[in-house]
Amino acid sequence: SLEDFTMVRVSVLHDALKTICNAERRGKRQVLVRPSSKVVVRFLQTMQKHNYIGDFEIIDDHRAGKIVVNLIGRINKCGVISPRFPLKLDEIEQWTNNLLPSRQFGYLVLTTSDG
């Protein structure tokens, strides 16, 4: 029966980036991202290093955790490519050309199974 099924989160990073992108479009100054994970924190550190977001604060609620992100209005679009495609080194340039709007604009962040 349908009552036996429960929804599960497929990608925590996808949910976090979608929440940040939607808040940025609405003109919000802060956004609450939940749940937190190590991958989300590392991605936010990368965004902060390139001045796309302000400071963020990790709130430990003894569950999955939450993050409060200060927005500065510099994000146009951000997202996750799913499923995770295997990439060879010589294919990165082609993916960059397909995904980013121009050569001077945007970043492509890659993750590996090794961290």
Protein backbone atom coordinates (compact mmCIF):
# COMPACT_ATOMS: atom_id res chain seq x y z
CA SER A 1 0.00 0.00 0.00
CA LEU A 2 1.03 3.64 -0.37
CA GLU A 3 1.27 4.24 3.38
CA ASP A 4 4.39 2.06 3.59
CA PHE A 5 6.51 4.35 1.40
CA THR A 6 8.48 7.26 2.84
CA MET A 7 10.27 9.98 0.94
CA VAL A 8 14.05 10.04 1.22
CA ARG A 9 16.52 12.75 0.29
CA VAL A 10 18.47 11.78 -2.78
CA SER A 11 20.92 14.67 -2.77
CA VAL A 12 21.50 16.95 0.20
CA LEU A 13 23.74 19.19 -1.92
CA HIS A 14 21.04 19.58 -4.58
CA ASP A 15 18.49 20.63 -1.93
CA ALA A 16 20.94 23.13 -0.40
CA LEU A 17 21.88 24.76 -3.70
CA LYS A 18 18.25 24.95 -4.83
CA THR A 19 17.30 26.63 -1.52
CA ILE A 20 20.15 29.13 -1.84
CA CYS A 21 19.34 29.88 -5.50
CA ASN A 22 15.63 30.42 -4.76
CA ALA A 23 16.38 32.73 -1.81
CA GLU A 24 18.84 34.69 -3.95
CA ARG A 25 16.20 35.15 -6.67
CA ARG A 26 13.70 36.40 -4.10
CA GLY A 27 16.25 38.95 -2.84
CA LYS A 28 16.65 37.47 0.63
CA ARG A 29 19.68 38.39 2.74
CA GLN A 30 19.80 35.12 4.70
CA VAL A 31 18.69 31.57 4.07
CA LEU A 32 18.37 28.49 6.30
CA VAL A 33 19.78 25.36 4.65
CA ARG A 34 18.91 21.98 6.10
CA PRO A 35 20.10 19.27 6.46
CA SER A 36 23.81 19.92 6.75
CA SER A 37 26.58 17.63 5.54
CA LYS A 38 30.33 17.71 5.04
CA VAL A 39 29.87 18.03 1.28
CA VAL A 40 27.54 21.03 1.69
CA VAL A 41 29.96 22.74 4.09
CA ARG A 42 32.92 22.23 1.74
CA PHE A 43 30.89 23.56 -1.20
CA LEU A 44 29.84 26.63 0.79
CA GLN A 45 33.49 27.24 1.72
CA THR A 46 34.36 27.16 -1.99
CA MET A 47 31.54 29.61 -2.79
CA GLN A 48 32.71 31.86 0.05
CA LYS A 49 36.31 31.76 -1.17
CA HIS A 50 35.17 33.05 -4.58
CA ASN A 51 32.97 35.76 -2.96
CA TYR A 52 29.60 34.37 -4.03
CA ILE A 53 28.22 34.19 -0.48
CA GLY A 54 29.00 35.89 2.82
CA ASP A 55 29.59 34.13 6.12
CA PHE A 56 27.68 31.03 7.11
CA GLU A 57 26.99 29.56 10.52
CA ILE A 58 26.56 25.86 11.23
CA ILE A 59 23.84 25.15 13.80
CA ASP A 60 24.21 21.81 15.58
CA ASP A 61 20.74 20.61 16.58
CA HIS A 62 21.89 17.03 17.41
CA ARG A 63 20.09 15.80 14.29
CA ALA A 64 21.09 16.48 10.69
CA GLY A 65 22.17 20.07 11.42
CA LYS A 66 21.30 23.39 9.83
CA ILE A 67 23.31 26.15 8.18
CA VAL A 68 22.42 29.85 8.08
CA VAL A 69 23.96 31.42 4.96
CA ASN A 70 24.35 35.18 4.47
CA LEU A 71 23.69 36.08 0.84
CA ILE A 72 25.30 39.02 -0.95
CA GLY A 73 23.37 38.92 -4.23
CA ARG A 74 26.07 37.55 -6.53
CA ILE A 75 24.63 34.14 -7.45
CA ASN A 76 22.88 33.90 -10.81
CA LYS A 77 22.51 30.14 -10.95
CA CYS A 78 23.93 27.13 -9.17
CA GLY A 79 23.05 23.48 -9.32
CA VAL A 80 24.06 19.85 -9.23
CA ILE A 81 24.56 17.53 -12.19
CA SER A 82 22.89 14.26 -11.37
CA PRO A 83 23.69 11.42 -11.82
CA ARG A 84 27.40 11.77 -11.18
CA PHE A 85 29.06 11.13 -14.49
CA PRO A 86 32.51 9.55 -14.76
CA LEU A 87 34.89 12.13 -16.26
CA LYS A 88 38.24 11.73 -17.92
CA LEU A 89 40.75 14.56 -17.66
CA ASP A 90 40.49 15.48 -21.34
CA GLU A 91 36.66 15.72 -21.10
CA ILE A 92 36.63 18.50 -18.48
CA GLU A 93 37.12 21.26 -21.07
CA GLN A 94 34.15 20.00 -23.11
CA TRP A 95 31.90 19.85 -20.01
CA THR A 96 32.98 23.36 -19.04
CA ASN A 97 32.11 24.67 -22.51
CA ASN A 98 28.70 22.97 -22.41
CA LEU A 99 27.74 24.10 -18.91
CA LEU A 100 29.16 27.57 -18.33
CA PRO A 101 27.84 30.63 -20.20
CA SER A 102 31.24 32.02 -21.22
CA ARG A 103 34.97 31.63 -20.66
CA GLN A 104 35.20 34.54 -18.18
CA PHE A 105 32.17 33.53 -16.20
CA GLY A 106 31.40 30.92 -13.54
CA TYR A 107 33.04 27.90 -11.97
CA LEU A 108 32.71 24.17 -12.37
CA VAL A 109 33.25 22.35 -9.05
CA LEU A 110 34.08 18.65 -9.25
CA THR A 111 33.79 16.09 -6.48
CA THR A 112 35.46 12.71 -6.24
CA SER A 113 34.76 9.65 -4.17
CA ASP A 114 38.05 10.33 -2.35
CA GLY A 115 36.87 13.73 -1.07
